[in-house]
Structures are given as structure tokens and as C-alpha cells.
C-alpha atoms as a PDB file:
ATOM      1  CA  MET A   1      34.008   6.073  27.969  1.00  0.00           C
ATOM      2  CA  GLY A   2      36.260   5.280  25.543  1.00  0.00           C
ATOM      3  CA  PHE A   3      35.622   5.044  21.966  1.00  0.00           C
ATOM      4  CA  PHE A   4      35.959   0.864  22.123  1.00  0.00           C
ATOM      5  CA  ALA A   5      34.360   0.699  25.584  1.00  0.00           C
ATOM      6  CA  TYR A   6      31.459  -1.379  26.280  1.00  0.00           C
ATOM      7  CA  ASP A   7      28.854   1.638  25.856  1.00  0.00           C
ATOM      8  CA  GLY A   8      31.388   3.432  23.299  1.00  0.00           C
ATOM      9  CA  ILE A   9      30.425   4.442  19.760  1.00  0.00           C
ATOM     10  CA  PHE A  10      31.999   1.588  17.954  1.00  0.00           C
ATOM     11  CA  ASN A  11      29.762  -1.051  20.111  1.00  0.00           C
ATOM     12  CA  LYS A  12      26.375   1.043  19.373  1.00  0.00           C
ATOM     13  CA  ILE A  13      27.625   1.066  15.856  1.00  0.00           C
ATOM     14  CA  MET A  14      29.295  -2.665  15.285  1.00  0.00           C
ATOM     15  CA  GLY A  15      26.650  -4.492  17.610  1.00  0.00           C
ATOM     16  CA  PRO A  16      23.852  -4.051  15.363  1.00  0.00           C
ATOM     17  CA  VAL A  17      26.104  -4.944  12.130  1.00  0.00           C
ATOM     18  CA  PHE A  18      27.427  -8.089  13.903  1.00  0.00           C
ATOM     19  CA  ASP A  19      23.959  -9.314  14.902  1.00  0.00           C
ATOM     20  CA  VAL A  20      22.964  -9.215  11.678  1.00  0.00           C
ATOM     21  CA  MET A  21      26.329 -10.681   9.930  1.00  0.00           C
ATOM     22  CA  VAL A  22      26.121 -13.494  12.801  1.00  0.00           C
ATOM     23  CA  GLY A  23      21.859 -14.115  11.861  1.00  0.00           C
ATOM     24  CA  SER A  24      22.719 -14.351   8.359  1.00  0.00           C
ATOM     25  CA  LEU A  25      25.310 -17.026   8.461  1.00  0.00           C
ATOM     26  CA  PHE A  26      23.106 -18.905  10.777  1.00  0.00           C
ATOM     27  CA  TRP A  27      20.667 -18.550   8.234  1.00  0.00           C
ATOM     28  CA  LEU A  28      23.089 -19.675   5.151  1.00  0.00           C
ATOM     29  CA  VAL A  29      24.052 -22.969   7.389  1.00  0.00           C
ATOM     30  CA  CYS A  30      20.433 -23.681   8.332  1.00  0.00           C
ATOM     31  CA  ALA A  31      19.141 -23.455   4.497  1.00  0.00           C
ATOM     32  CA  ILE A  32      22.169 -25.300   2.939  1.00  0.00           C
ATOM     33  CA  PRO A  33      19.763 -28.422   2.662  1.00  0.00           C
ATOM     34  CA  LEU A  34      16.911 -25.958   0.892  1.00  0.00           C
ATOM     35  CA  VAL A  35      14.135 -28.019   2.382  1.00  0.00           C
ATOM     36  CA  THR A  36      15.031 -25.951   5.636  1.00  0.00           C
ATOM     37  CA  ILE A  37      14.951 -22.507   4.071  1.00  0.00           C
ATOM     38  CA  GLY A  38      11.436 -21.889   5.550  1.00  0.00           C
ATOM     39  CA  ASN A  39      12.711 -22.875   9.274  1.00  0.00           C
ATOM     40  CA  ALA A  40      15.660 -21.058   8.719  1.00  0.00           C
ATOM     41  CA  THR A  41      14.067 -18.056   7.499  1.00  0.00           C
ATOM     42  CA  ASN A  42      11.531 -18.553  10.445  1.00  0.00           C
ATOM     43  CA  ALA A  43      14.565 -18.886  13.045  1.00  0.00           C
ATOM     44  CA  LEU A  44      16.143 -15.727  11.442  1.00  0.00           C
ATOM     45  CA  ILE A  45      13.083 -13.551  12.011  1.00  0.00           C
ATOM     46  CA  VAL A  46      12.627 -14.430  15.610  1.00  0.00           C
ATOM     47  CA  PHE A  47      16.769 -14.008  16.156  1.00  0.00           C
ATOM     48  CA  MET A  48      16.531 -10.343  14.596  1.00  0.00           C
ATOM     49  CA  HIS A  49      13.776  -9.228  16.513  1.00  0.00           C
ATOM     50  CA  ALA A  50      14.811 -10.931  19.849  1.00  0.00           C
ATOM     51  CA  ASP A  51      16.524  -8.679  22.701  1.00  0.00           C
ATOM     52  CA  LYS A  52      19.086 -10.974  23.559  1.00  0.00           C
ATOM     53  CA  LYS A  53      20.591 -12.183  20.296  1.00  0.00           C
ATOM     54  CA  THR A  54      22.413 -15.895  20.852  1.00  0.00           C
ATOM     55  CA  PRO A  55      22.688 -18.511  19.222  1.00  0.00           C
ATOM     56  CA  GLN A  56      20.383 -20.348  21.612  1.00  0.00           C
ATOM     57  CA  VAL A  57      17.122 -18.310  20.312  1.00  0.00           C
ATOM     58  CA  PHE A  58      17.825 -19.169  16.811  1.00  0.00           C
ATOM     59  CA  PHE A  59      18.291 -22.888  16.842  1.00  0.00           C
ATOM     60  CA  ARG A  60      15.669 -22.796  19.562  1.00  0.00           C
ATOM     61  CA  ALA A  61      13.022 -20.960  16.769  1.00  0.00           C
ATOM     62  CA  PHE A  62      14.645 -23.242  13.750  1.00  0.00           C
ATOM     63  CA  ILE A  63      14.071 -26.558  16.192  1.00  0.00           C
ATOM     64  CA  THR A  64      10.348 -25.619  17.356  1.00  0.00           C
ATOM     65  CA  ASP A  65       7.415 -26.383  15.035  1.00  0.00           C
ATOM     66  CA  PHE A  66       9.963 -27.708  12.428  1.00  0.00           C
ATOM     67  CA  TRP A  67       7.810 -30.145  10.634  1.00  0.00           C
ATOM     68  CA  ARG A  68       4.991 -27.329  10.052  1.00  0.00           C
ATOM     69  CA  HIS A  69       7.344 -24.712   9.142  1.00  0.00           C
ATOM     70  CA  MET A  70       8.985 -27.536   6.331  1.00  0.00           C
ATOM     71  CA  GLN A  71       5.415 -27.942   5.381  1.00  0.00           C
ATOM     72  CA  PHE A  72       4.759 -24.564   4.590  1.00  0.00           C
ATOM     73  CA  TRP A  73       8.289 -23.950   2.876  1.00  0.00           C
ATOM     74  CA  LEU A  74       7.575 -27.097   0.973  1.00  0.00           C
ATOM     75  CA  SER A  75       4.133 -26.206  -0.062  1.00  0.00           C
ATOM     76  CA  TYR A  76       5.422 -22.576  -1.192  1.00  0.00           C
ATOM     77  CA  PHE A  77       8.014 -24.343  -3.249  1.00  0.00           C
ATOM     78  CA  GLY A  78       5.904 -26.523  -5.374  1.00  0.00           C
ATOM     79  CA  VAL A  79       3.407 -23.667  -6.131  1.00  0.00           C
ATOM     80  CA  SER A  80       6.366 -21.628  -7.328  1.00  0.00           C
ATOM     81  CA  VAL A  81       7.537 -24.711  -9.643  1.00  0.00           C
ATOM     82  CA  LEU A  82       4.044 -25.209 -10.726  1.00  0.00           C
ATOM     83  CA  LEU A  83       3.648 -21.366 -11.523  1.00  0.00           C
ATOM     84  CA  ALA A  84       7.073 -21.140 -13.311  1.00  0.00           C
ATOM     85  CA  VAL A  85       6.247 -24.023 -15.390  1.00  0.00           C
ATOM     86  CA  ASN A  86       2.898 -22.747 -16.442  1.00  0.00           C
ATOM     87  CA  ILE A  87       4.648 -19.370 -17.195  1.00  0.00           C
ATOM     88  CA  TRP A  88       7.529 -21.193 -19.456  1.00  0.00           C
ATOM     89  CA  PHE A  89       4.351 -23.422 -21.295  1.00  0.00           C
ATOM     90  CA  SER A  90       2.738 -20.014 -21.506  1.00  0.00           C
ATOM     91  CA  GLN A  91       5.737 -18.066 -23.241  1.00  0.00           C
ATOM     92  CA  ARG A  92       5.879 -21.068 -26.017  1.00  0.00           C
ATOM     93  CA  ALA A  93       2.205 -21.999 -26.549  1.00  0.00           C
ATOM     94  CA  ILE A  94       0.557 -18.661 -27.124  1.00  0.00           C
ATOM     95  CA  THR A  95       1.436 -16.502 -29.964  1.00  0.00           C
ATOM     96  CA  ALA A  96      -1.108 -13.581 -29.307  1.00  0.00           C
ATOM     97  CA  PRO A  97       1.102 -11.505 -27.584  1.00  0.00           C
ATOM     98  CA  LEU A  98      -1.946  -9.352 -25.839  1.00  0.00           C
ATOM     99  CA  LEU A  99      -3.084 -12.868 -24.172  1.00  0.00           C
ATOM    100  CA  ALA A 100       0.500 -13.890 -23.472  1.00  0.00           C
ATOM    101  CA  VAL A 101       1.190 -10.867 -21.428  1.00  0.00           C
ATOM    102  CA  GLY A 102      -1.773 -10.856 -19.540  1.00  0.00           C
ATOM    103  CA  LEU A 103      -1.560 -14.389 -19.073  1.00  0.00           C
ATOM    104  CA  ILE A 104       2.083 -14.297 -17.635  1.00  0.00           C
ATOM    105  CA  THR A 105       1.274 -11.298 -15.965  1.00  0.00           C
ATOM    106  CA  PHE A 106      -1.691 -13.410 -14.141  1.00  0.00           C
ATOM    107  CA  TYR A 107       1.029 -16.065 -13.141  1.00  0.00           C
ATOM    108  CA  TRP A 108       3.483 -13.327 -11.706  1.00  0.00           C
ATOM    109  CA  THR A 109       0.107 -11.516  -9.570  1.00  0.00           C
ATOM    110  CA  ILE A 110      -0.561 -15.415  -7.828  1.00  0.00           C
ATOM    111  CA  TRP A 111       3.238 -16.085  -7.330  1.00  0.00           C
ATOM    112  CA  ILE A 112       3.551 -12.522  -5.553  1.00  0.00           C
ATOM    113  CA  LEU A 113       0.348 -13.432  -3.643  1.00  0.00           C
ATOM    114  CA  PHE A 114       1.727 -16.854  -2.640  1.00  0.00           C
ATOM    115  CA  SER A 115       5.174 -15.416  -1.537  1.00  0.00           C
ATOM    116  CA  ALA A 116       3.464 -13.128   0.630  1.00  0.00           C
ATOM    117  CA  VAL A 117       1.674 -15.693   2.276  1.00  0.00           C
ATOM    118  CA  PHE A 118       5.029 -17.609   2.918  1.00  0.00           C
ATOM    119  CA  ILE A 119       6.195 -14.502   4.337  1.00  0.00           C
ATOM    120  CA  LEU A 120       3.170 -13.923   6.557  1.00  0.00           C
ATOM    121  CA  LEU A 121       3.071 -17.245   7.742  1.00  0.00           C
ATOM    122  CA  LEU A 122       6.786 -16.471   8.746  1.00  0.00           C
ATOM    123  CA  SER A 123       6.717 -13.398  10.207  1.00  0.00           C
ATOM    124  CA  LYS A 124       3.001 -14.119  12.190  1.00  0.00           C
ATOM    125  CA  PRO A 125       3.370 -16.911  14.392  1.00  0.00           C
ATOM    126  CA  ALA A 126      -0.714 -16.634  15.136  1.00  0.00           C
ATOM    127  CA  LEU A 127      -1.450 -17.470  11.464  1.00  0.00           C
ATOM    128  CA  ALA A 128       1.029 -20.741  11.424  1.00  0.00           C
ATOM    129  CA  ASP A 129      -0.835 -21.943  15.377  1.00  0.00           C
ATOM    130  CA  LEU A 130      -4.293 -21.807  13.140  1.00  0.00           C
ATOM    131  CA  GLY A 131      -2.828 -24.993  11.537  1.00  0.00           C
ATOM    132  CA  PHE A 132      -1.927 -25.623   7.899  1.00  0.00           C
ATOM    133  CA  LYS A 133      -5.222 -24.890   6.042  1.00  0.00           C
ATOM    134  CA  ASN A 134      -6.458 -22.033   8.032  1.00  0.00           C
ATOM    135  CA  GLY A 135      -3.430 -20.259   8.345  1.00  0.00           C
ATOM    136  CA  PHE A 136      -3.003 -20.668   4.845  1.00  0.00           C
ATOM    137  CA  LEU A 137      -6.442 -19.379   4.129  1.00  0.00           C
ATOM    138  CA  ALA A 138      -6.010 -16.362   6.695  1.00  0.00           C
ATOM    139  CA  ALA A 139      -2.379 -15.608   5.175  1.00  0.00           C
ATOM    140  CA  LEU A 140      -3.817 -15.506   1.578  1.00  0.00           C
ATOM    141  CA  TYR A 141      -6.806 -13.176   3.084  1.00  0.00           C
ATOM    142  CA  LEU A 142      -4.211 -10.811   4.699  1.00  0.00           C
ATOM    143  CA  ALA A 143      -1.776 -10.995   1.236  1.00  0.00           C
ATOM    144  CA  ALA A 144      -4.682  -9.858  -0.771  1.00  0.00           C
ATOM    145  CA  ARG A 145      -5.898  -7.349   1.649  1.00  0.00           C
ATOM    146  CA  HIS A 146      -2.714  -5.503   2.410  1.00  0.00           C
ATOM    147  CA  LEU A 147      -1.908  -5.875  -1.574  1.00  0.00           C
ATOM    148  CA  GLY A 148       0.717  -3.082  -1.182  1.00  0.00           C
ATOM    149  CA  LYS A 149       2.661  -4.833   1.552  1.00  0.00           C
ATOM    150  CA  SER A 150       2.695  -7.747  -0.150  1.00  0.00           C
ATOM    151  CA  LEU A 151       3.925  -6.127  -3.203  1.00  0.00           C
ATOM    152  CA  LEU A 152       6.691  -4.455  -1.555  1.00  0.00           C
ATOM    153  CA  ALA A 153       7.623  -7.591   0.363  1.00  0.00           C
ATOM    154  CA  SER A 154       8.104  -9.694  -2.813  1.00  0.00           C
ATOM    155  CA  LEU A 155      10.143  -6.607  -4.080  1.00  0.00           C
ATOM    156  CA  VAL A 156      12.237  -6.757  -1.155  1.00  0.00           C
ATOM    157  CA  ALA A 157      13.039 -10.448  -1.978  1.00  0.00           C
ATOM    158  CA  ALA A 158      13.492  -9.767  -5.632  1.00  0.00           C
ATOM    159  CA  ALA A 159      16.002  -6.806  -4.741  1.00  0.00           C
ATOM    160  CA  ALA A 160      17.345  -9.398  -2.246  1.00  0.00           C
ATOM    161  CA  VAL A 161      18.094 -11.908  -4.741  1.00  0.00           C
ATOM    162  CA  PHE A 162      19.280  -9.418  -7.716  1.00  0.00           C
ATOM    163  CA  ILE A 163      21.896  -8.299  -5.146  1.00  0.00           C
ATOM    164  CA  LEU A 164      23.282 -11.848  -4.451  1.00  0.00           C
ATOM    165  CA  TYR A 165      23.648 -12.371  -7.739  1.00  0.00           C
ATOM    166  CA  LEU A 166      25.743  -9.322  -8.469  1.00  0.00           C
ATOM    167  CA  ALA A 167      27.525  -9.749  -5.130  1.00  0.00           C
ATOM    168  CA  PRO A 168      27.642 -13.257  -3.772  1.00  0.00           C
ATOM    169  CA  ILE A 169      29.559 -12.070  -0.572  1.00  0.00           C
ATOM    170  CA  ALA A 170      26.331  -9.983   0.461  1.00  0.00           C
ATOM    171  CA  ILE A 171      25.004 -13.141   1.574  1.00  0.00           C
ATOM    172  CA  LEU A 172      26.677 -12.325   4.697  1.00  0.00           C
ATOM    173  CA  VAL A 173      23.788  -9.475   5.888  1.00  0.00           C
ATOM    174  CA  ILE A 174      20.661  -9.405   2.832  1.00  0.00           C
ATOM    175  CA  PRO A 175      19.074 -12.259   4.913  1.00  0.00           C
ATOM    176  CA  ALA A 176      18.835 -10.587   7.894  1.00  0.00           C
ATOM    177  CA  THR A 177      18.134  -7.258   6.410  1.00  0.00           C
ATOM    178  CA  VAL A 178      15.302  -9.140   3.971  1.00  0.00           C
ATOM    179  CA  ALA A 179      13.687 -10.393   7.298  1.00  0.00           C
ATOM    180  CA  VAL A 180      13.741  -7.174   9.401  1.00  0.00           C
ATOM    181  CA  CYS A 181      12.096  -5.241   6.305  1.00  0.00           C
ATOM    182  CA  TRP A 182       9.572  -8.345   6.204  1.00  0.00           C
ATOM    183  CA  GLN A 183       9.032  -8.063  10.238  1.00  0.00           C
ATOM    184  CA  LYS A 184       8.708  -4.391   9.972  1.00  0.00           C
ATOM    185  CA  LEU A 185       6.139  -4.364   6.810  1.00  0.00           C
ATOM    186  CA  PHE A 186       3.813  -6.744   8.553  1.00  0.00           C
ATOM    187  CA  GLN A 187       4.184  -5.655  12.064  1.00  0.00           C
ATOM    188  CA  GLN A 188       0.986  -4.057  11.654  1.00  0.00           C
ATOM    189  CA  VAL A 189      -1.096  -6.510  10.039  1.00  0.00           C
ATOM    190  CA  THR A 190      -3.331  -8.326  12.700  1.00  0.00           C
ATOM    191  CA  LEU A 191      -5.459 -11.801  12.108  1.00  0.00           C
ATOM    192  CA  PRO A 192      -8.891 -11.410  10.760  1.00  0.00           C
ATOM    193  CA  ALA A 193     -11.544 -11.844  13.317  1.00  0.00           C
END
């Protein structure tokens, strides 16, 4: 049993690191069209929690329910753009500082909830199985009910974006790390009865 043996220390340490890098690379390639970010993120979550991390696992998850995951992503993206436009207009139009801060805080809170809904829809396949409307409403209920976890999940995503802004090479590890964090955060969350 040497250092570089199959069951040696090197493989025990570098195996998970390699899985993170491969998953992040697959995510990056599949997210390039931008409209497939939801599918790529779902596939990455499935890949990172699979026992055997093979390309087939990732791409099977990417293709499975392709249109449904794209529908969730595009609706999240549309809400995000709408809220960003509202925040921008609020900053320009409202002169009362207290009202402006309150309104912007409201919009950010709504965006964080919708981000958590999107994360829950990807992390909990049973939510997506409910269909678009019912899955979205159940995820919104769970995101509001577990507001602390929702905030933490959104902060993890924001921290990842900030790290990528500072060090773009981190794209080789950040997506898979974020996917694992999201899955761990919402692992104990159960569907409403």
C-alpha cells in the first residue's frame, strides 16, 4: 500500500478534488448557452451526489427533463431581470432615502426568496415532479418557511460569484462546491404534506 496506490493517501485526497474539477468543467461547458444553466446546475447536483461520478451520470441528468428545468431557469431569470429593473428605477426615482432603502430591501428579499426557490427546485427533484405551478408554489413555501437556509444558500451563491469575479480560474472548483453546499443545506427539508 504505497502513497500512489489505488487505495493510497494520494488517491483518497485527490479523488474528490478531481471529481469537483470534472463536475465544474462539465457544468461550464453545458452552461455556455446561458439558457441551459438550470439544466447544467441540476446535472451538477446529481453528478456530485452520485456514487459513481461518470460523464454518463452528468449528461443523463442534463438531458432528463430538459425542458422542465429550462422552464424553471428561464422563469427565475425573468424574475431576476424584472427585480433588477425595479431596483434600478427605484434608485433613480425615489428621493426619500428611507423609502428608497425600504423598497430596495424589499426587492432584494424577494430576489433572495426566488433564488432559494430555484435552488430548491434543483436540489429537490420531488418538487420538480409536481409540475411547474405546484412545484413553484411548494418551493416558494419551503423557501419562506426555511428562510435562514434560503438566505444562506443565496449568500453561498453570491460569495461564489464574488470569488469568480476576483479569480476566474476558480471556475474549476466553485460550481461543484456550491452545488454540494446547496444540497447539504436543503437535505433535511421535506415537502409539505
